[in-house]
Amino acid sequence: MVLASFLFATMSVCVKLASAHYNAAEIVFYRGLIGLVAMFLLSRLQHCSLRTHHPWAHVWRSVCGVTALSLWFYAIGQLPLATAVTLNYTASVWMALFLVGSAWIMGTARVDPRLVTAIAVGFIGVALILQPTLTQNQLWAGIVGLLSGMLSAMAYLQIATLGRLGEPEVRVVFYFSLGSVVVGGFSTVVLGASEHSVRGVLLLMGVGLLATAAQWALTRAYASGSRLVNASLQYLGIVYSFVYGVIIFDDPVTFLALVGMLLIVGAGTVASRLKPTPMQAPTPPNPQP
């Protein structure tokens, strides 16, 4: 997860630079194409079959993941780097919200008030981060970044499910990359393709290679590692992105935005360590004769 966070942050730098040459759909397409080729070659080296017995699970993961990726790439191109990355990292807060909502609707678990508090604090952090965007006419981009975090949460939950089903990392990333190619390619045809340059091609290659390596590391972490450790370590990506944004892009980071980032990190870390307490199962009635 430490490696995945660093690679994703570095990839986000390439995405922001590439946004000056290509739209988000094109970046998603080339990111998926490079990942598709890389995972195909890796599967051959590892003698890992790409045939799956859970195609719909991969489809659902790809729908959530590719949509989240597209929204995130758009936000990166429009917002300060650390802001866009932080909004995407609200995934842990969204996952906690899904967990609480499910427990409340199903009535299968008692919801810890601390978890509800963590969720509330997380969204207060979101409000503080979005506040500066109001004065910079970037509210829409901020909402898009927040939506990318919500969909990322759904994608991460599906990655964990695929891991429990025994799907290897190479196969999971391969089908995600395939989804990126299909969606990104169709969107590029509709929106139109941009002209290539040497700088643009190198940036696209950087996005694809870094994203593929990061996705593989992320999938391996969630499939075989501790969920709590993963949820805590993933916030290193915000630190990396903050440093990149200040040094490379001279991004202005306001005091409110910094406080918002800290609140989101704290809320996400707490939320990842809490979960609804299962209620004692009721005694089943005696069967009727």
Protein backbone atom coordinates (compact mmCIF):
# COMPACT_ATOMS: atom_id res chain seq x y z
CA MET A 1 0.00 0.00 0.00
CA VAL A 2 2.93 2.35 0.65
CA LEU A 3 4.20 1.65 -2.86
CA ALA A 4 0.73 1.95 -4.38
CA SER A 5 0.17 5.34 -2.72
CA PHE A 6 3.48 6.68 -4.02
CA LEU A 7 2.87 5.38 -7.55
CA PHE A 8 -0.67 6.79 -7.67
CA ALA A 9 0.58 10.19 -6.49
CA THR A 10 3.30 10.20 -9.14
CA MET A 11 0.76 9.09 -11.74
CA SER A 12 -1.48 12.01 -10.74
CA VAL A 13 1.37 14.38 -11.60
CA CYS A 14 1.55 12.87 -15.10
CA VAL A 15 -2.25 13.10 -15.42
CA LYS A 16 -2.25 16.79 -14.52
CA LEU A 17 0.51 17.51 -17.00
CA ALA A 18 -1.17 15.39 -19.69
CA SER A 19 -4.46 17.25 -19.15
CA ALA A 20 -2.95 20.16 -21.05
CA HIS A 21 -2.77 17.91 -24.15
CA TYR A 22 -5.64 15.42 -23.79
CA ASN A 23 -9.11 15.17 -22.29
CA ALA A 24 -9.91 12.78 -19.44
CA ALA A 25 -11.43 10.13 -21.75
CA GLU A 26 -8.25 9.90 -23.82
CA ILE A 27 -6.08 9.58 -20.74
CA VAL A 28 -8.33 6.81 -19.40
CA PHE A 29 -8.14 4.99 -22.75
CA TYR A 30 -4.35 5.04 -23.02
CA ARG A 31 -3.96 4.26 -19.33
CA GLY A 32 -6.14 1.17 -19.88
CA LEU A 33 -4.41 0.17 -23.11
CA ILE A 34 -0.96 0.16 -21.53
CA GLY A 35 -2.31 -1.70 -18.50
CA LEU A 36 -4.04 -4.26 -20.70
CA VAL A 37 -0.84 -5.10 -22.58
CA ALA A 38 1.25 -5.16 -19.40
CA MET A 39 -1.17 -7.47 -17.55
CA PHE A 40 -1.46 -9.79 -20.56
CA LEU A 41 2.32 -10.17 -20.72
CA LEU A 42 2.56 -10.61 -16.95
CA SER A 43 -0.13 -13.29 -17.02
CA ARG A 44 1.89 -15.21 -19.60
CA LEU A 45 5.05 -14.93 -17.51
CA GLN A 46 3.21 -16.13 -14.40
CA HIS A 47 1.32 -18.81 -16.34
CA CYS A 48 -1.90 -17.34 -14.99
CA SER A 49 -5.07 -17.92 -16.98
CA LEU A 50 -7.20 -14.87 -17.73
CA ARG A 51 -10.36 -16.96 -17.88
CA THR A 52 -12.70 -16.12 -15.03
CA HIS A 53 -15.70 -17.81 -13.46
CA HIS A 54 -16.94 -14.49 -12.09
CA PRO A 55 -17.40 -12.24 -15.14
CA TRP A 56 -20.19 -10.11 -13.66
CA ALA A 57 -18.13 -9.36 -10.58
CA HIS A 58 -15.42 -7.99 -12.88
CA VAL A 59 -18.01 -6.02 -14.86
CA TRP A 60 -19.36 -4.36 -11.71
CA ARG A 61 -15.83 -3.63 -10.47
CA SER A 62 -14.94 -2.12 -13.85
CA VAL A 63 -18.09 0.01 -14.06
CA CYS A 64 -17.41 1.54 -10.65
CA GLY A 65 -13.64 1.74 -11.09
CA VAL A 66 -13.52 3.18 -14.60
CA THR A 67 -16.18 5.79 -13.82
CA ALA A 68 -14.32 6.78 -10.65
CA LEU A 69 -11.06 6.95 -12.62
CA SER A 70 -12.57 9.16 -15.32
CA LEU A 71 -14.03 11.57 -12.77
CA TRP A 72 -10.78 11.65 -10.83
CA PHE A 73 -8.70 12.43 -13.93
CA TYR A 74 -11.05 15.29 -14.75
CA ALA A 75 -10.76 16.67 -11.20
CA ILE A 76 -6.96 16.43 -11.28
CA GLY A 77 -6.89 18.56 -14.41
CA GLN A 78 -9.10 21.24 -12.87
CA LEU A 79 -8.13 21.41 -9.18
CA PRO A 80 -4.94 21.80 -7.15
CA LEU A 81 -3.31 18.37 -7.08
CA ALA A 82 -3.57 17.79 -3.32
CA THR A 83 -7.24 18.84 -3.33
CA ALA A 84 -8.19 16.46 -6.15
CA VAL A 85 -6.30 13.57 -4.57
CA THR A 86 -7.79 14.22 -1.12
CA LEU A 87 -11.35 14.23 -2.48
CA ASN A 88 -10.71 10.87 -4.10
CA TYR A 89 -9.35 9.57 -0.80
CA THR A 90 -12.72 10.16 0.85
CA ALA A 91 -13.34 6.56 -0.23
CA SER A 92 -12.81 5.32 3.34
CA VAL A 93 -15.42 7.74 4.66
CA TRP A 94 -17.85 6.66 1.96
CA MET A 95 -17.21 3.00 2.79
CA ALA A 96 -18.03 3.71 6.43
CA LEU A 97 -21.22 5.49 5.35
CA PHE A 98 -22.23 2.50 3.21
CA LEU A 99 -21.53 0.21 6.16
CA VAL A 100 -23.61 2.28 8.56
CA GLY A 101 -26.44 2.64 6.04
CA SER A 102 -26.52 -1.09 5.36
CA ALA A 103 -26.50 -1.92 9.07
CA TRP A 104 -29.32 0.54 9.73
CA ILE A 105 -31.50 -0.63 6.84
CA MET A 106 -30.98 -4.35 7.48
CA GLY A 107 -31.08 -4.01 11.26
CA THR A 108 -28.31 -6.60 11.56
CA ALA A 109 -25.83 -4.59 13.61
CA ARG A 110 -25.59 -1.86 16.21
CA VAL A 111 -23.95 1.25 14.83
CA ASP A 112 -21.11 2.64 16.93
CA PRO A 113 -21.73 6.37 17.58
CA ARG A 114 -18.00 6.92 17.09
CA LEU A 115 -18.35 5.66 13.52
CA VAL A 116 -21.19 8.10 12.83
CA THR A 117 -19.07 10.89 14.33
CA ALA A 118 -16.10 9.93 12.13
CA ILE A 119 -18.31 10.09 9.04
CA ALA A 120 -19.64 13.52 10.05
CA VAL A 121 -16.11 14.82 10.70
CA GLY A 122 -14.98 13.47 7.33
CA PHE A 123 -17.66 15.38 5.47
CA ILE A 124 -16.91 18.53 7.47
CA GLY A 125 -13.39 18.13 6.08
CA VAL A 126 -14.86 17.82 2.59
CA ALA A 127 -16.82 21.05 3.11
CA LEU A 128 -13.66 22.87 4.20
CA ILE A 129 -11.78 21.62 1.14
CA LEU A 130 -14.57 22.60 -1.23
CA GLN A 131 -15.01 26.05 0.32
CA PRO A 132 -12.01 27.62 -1.49
CA THR A 133 -13.29 26.22 -4.81
CA LEU A 134 -16.38 28.43 -4.50
CA THR A 135 -14.24 31.53 -4.93
CA GLN A 136 -12.29 30.01 -7.81
CA ASN A 137 -15.28 28.82 -9.88
CA GLN A 138 -14.20 25.23 -9.39
CA LEU A 139 -17.19 23.91 -7.46
CA TRP A 140 -18.21 21.53 -10.25
CA ALA A 141 -14.73 20.03 -10.38
CA GLY A 142 -14.83 19.64 -6.59
CA ILE A 143 -18.15 17.78 -6.74
CA VAL A 144 -16.75 15.54 -9.49
CA GLY A 145 -13.74 14.75 -7.31
CA LEU A 146 -16.03 13.89 -4.40
CA LEU A 147 -18.08 11.57 -6.60
CA SER A 148 -14.87 9.85 -7.68
CA GLY A 149 -14.22 9.06 -4.03
CA MET A 150 -17.68 7.56 -3.59
CA LEU A 151 -17.33 5.33 -6.63
CA SER A 152 -13.80 4.38 -5.60
CA ALA A 153 -15.24 3.10 -2.33
CA MET A 154 -17.60 0.85 -4.25
CA ALA A 155 -14.73 -0.34 -6.44
CA TYR A 156 -12.53 -1.14 -3.41
CA LEU A 157 -15.31 -3.18 -1.86
CA GLN A 158 -15.60 -5.13 -5.09
CA ILE A 159 -11.82 -5.69 -5.20
CA ALA A 160 -12.03 -7.23 -1.74
CA THR A 161 -14.88 -9.46 -2.95
CA LEU A 162 -12.86 -10.61 -5.96
CA GLY A 163 -9.97 -11.41 -3.63
CA ARG A 164 -12.22 -13.57 -1.48
CA LEU A 165 -13.41 -15.32 -4.65
CA GLY A 166 -9.79 -16.28 -5.34
CA GLU A 167 -9.22 -14.03 -8.35
CA PRO A 168 -5.48 -13.26 -8.77
CA GLU A 169 -4.29 -9.66 -8.94
CA VAL A 170 -3.22 -9.96 -12.58
CA ARG A 171 -6.69 -11.04 -13.67
CA VAL A 172 -8.46 -8.31 -11.69
CA VAL A 173 -6.24 -5.56 -13.11
CA PHE A 174 -6.48 -7.03 -16.63
CA TYR A 175 -10.27 -6.79 -16.72
CA PHE A 176 -10.21 -3.34 -15.12
CA SER A 177 -7.81 -2.22 -17.86
CA LEU A 178 -10.08 -3.78 -20.47
CA GLY A 179 -12.98 -1.77 -19.08
CA SER A 180 -10.86 1.39 -19.26
CA VAL A 181 -10.08 0.72 -22.92
CA VAL A 182 -13.73 0.12 -23.83
CA VAL A 183 -15.14 3.15 -21.97
CA GLY A 184 -12.23 5.47 -22.74
CA GLY A 185 -12.14 4.43 -26.40
CA PHE A 186 -15.88 4.97 -26.89
CA SER A 187 -15.76 8.35 -25.16
CA THR A 188 -12.77 9.40 -27.25
CA VAL A 189 -14.62 8.56 -30.46
CA VAL A 190 -17.60 10.63 -29.31
CA LEU A 191 -15.59 13.60 -27.99
CA GLY A 192 -12.83 13.49 -30.60
CA ALA A 193 -9.13 12.65 -30.35
CA SER A 194 -6.32 15.15 -29.76
CA GLU A 195 -3.13 15.44 -31.77
CA HIS A 196 -0.09 13.70 -30.33
CA SER A 197 3.27 15.22 -29.45
CA VAL A 198 6.43 13.68 -28.06
CA ARG A 199 5.76 15.23 -24.66
CA GLY A 200 2.16 14.06 -24.70
CA VAL A 201 3.04 10.48 -25.64
CA LEU A 202 5.67 10.29 -22.89
CA LEU A 203 3.17 11.56 -20.33
CA LEU A 204 0.58 9.02 -21.47
CA MET A 205 3.15 6.25 -21.14
CA GLY A 206 3.99 7.49 -17.66
CA VAL A 207 0.31 7.48 -16.67
CA GLY A 208 -0.21 3.98 -18.02
CA LEU A 209 2.89 2.36 -16.54
CA LEU A 210 2.60 4.05 -13.15
CA ALA A 211 -1.14 3.38 -12.90
CA THR A 212 -0.73 -0.28 -13.85
CA ALA A 213 1.98 -0.84 -11.26
CA ALA A 214 -0.02 1.08 -8.65
CA GLN A 215 -3.23 -0.82 -9.43
CA TRP A 216 -1.44 -4.15 -9.14
CA ALA A 217 0.05 -3.15 -5.78
CA LEU A 218 -3.32 -1.82 -4.56
CA THR A 219 -5.15 -4.98 -5.63
CA ARG A 220 -2.58 -7.16 -3.93
CA ALA A 221 -2.79 -5.09 -0.76
CA TYR A 222 -6.58 -5.25 -0.51
CA ALA A 223 -6.78 -8.89 -1.56
CA SER A 224 -4.19 -10.25 0.86
CA GLY A 225 -3.44 -7.56 3.44
CA SER A 226 -5.13 -6.10 6.49
CA ARG A 227 -8.01 -3.77 5.63
CA LEU A 228 -7.19 -1.55 8.60
CA VAL A 229 -3.51 -1.24 7.69
CA ASN A 230 -4.37 -0.55 4.06
CA ALA A 231 -6.90 2.14 4.96
CA SER A 232 -4.35 3.91 7.16
CA LEU A 233 -1.36 3.70 4.83
CA GLN A 234 -3.26 4.83 1.75
CA TYR A 235 -3.33 8.39 3.13
CA LEU A 236 0.37 8.67 2.38
CA GLY A 237 -0.85 9.48 -1.13
CA ILE A 238 -2.17 12.81 0.12
CA VAL A 239 1.22 13.67 1.61
CA TYR A 240 3.01 12.77 -1.62
CA SER A 241 0.51 14.78 -3.70
CA PHE A 242 0.77 17.79 -1.41
CA VAL A 243 4.55 17.86 -1.84
CA TYR A 244 4.27 17.35 -5.61
CA GLY A 245 1.64 20.09 -5.91
CA VAL A 246 3.66 22.68 -4.01
CA ILE A 247 7.00 21.90 -5.67
CA ILE A 248 5.94 21.21 -9.27
CA PHE A 249 2.72 23.19 -9.76
CA ASP A 250 3.08 25.88 -7.10
CA ASP A 251 -0.46 25.01 -5.99
CA PRO A 252 -2.00 27.38 -3.45
CA VAL A 253 -3.15 25.42 -0.40
CA THR A 254 -5.27 27.42 2.02
CA PHE A 255 -5.42 26.96 5.77
CA LEU A 256 -9.02 25.69 5.53
CA ALA A 257 -8.00 23.15 2.89
CA LEU A 258 -5.18 21.88 5.11
CA VAL A 259 -7.56 21.53 8.06
CA GLY A 260 -10.03 19.73 5.79
CA MET A 261 -7.34 17.28 4.65
CA LEU A 262 -6.40 16.51 8.24
CA LEU A 263 -10.04 15.95 9.17
CA ILE A 264 -10.55 13.57 6.25
CA VAL A 265 -7.39 11.64 7.08
CA GLY A 266 -8.38 11.39 10.73
CA ALA A 267 -11.97 10.44 9.97
CA GLY A 268 -10.95 7.85 7.41
CA THR A 269 -8.43 6.28 9.77
CA VAL A 270 -10.94 6.09 12.63
CA ALA A 271 -13.71 4.80 10.36
CA SER A 272 -11.46 2.03 9.07
CA ARG A 273 -10.94 0.80 12.64
CA LEU A 274 -14.60 0.77 13.61
CA LYS A 275 -17.52 -1.20 12.30
CA PRO A 276 -21.06 -1.87 13.36
CA THR A 277 -21.28 -4.43 16.19
CA PRO A 278 -23.29 -7.49 15.16
CA MET A 279 -26.50 -7.86 17.11
CA GLN A 280 -27.20 -11.10 18.85
CA ALA A 281 -29.13 -13.32 16.50
CA PRO A 282 -32.66 -14.00 17.72
CA THR A 283 -33.53 -17.54 18.73
CA PRO A 284 -35.37 -19.18 15.85
CA PRO A 285 -38.89 -20.29 16.60
CA ASN A 286 -39.62 -23.97 17.18
CA PRO A 287 -40.63 -25.66 13.97
CA GLN A 288 -44.30 -26.39 13.68
CA PRO A 289 -45.29 -30.06 13.47
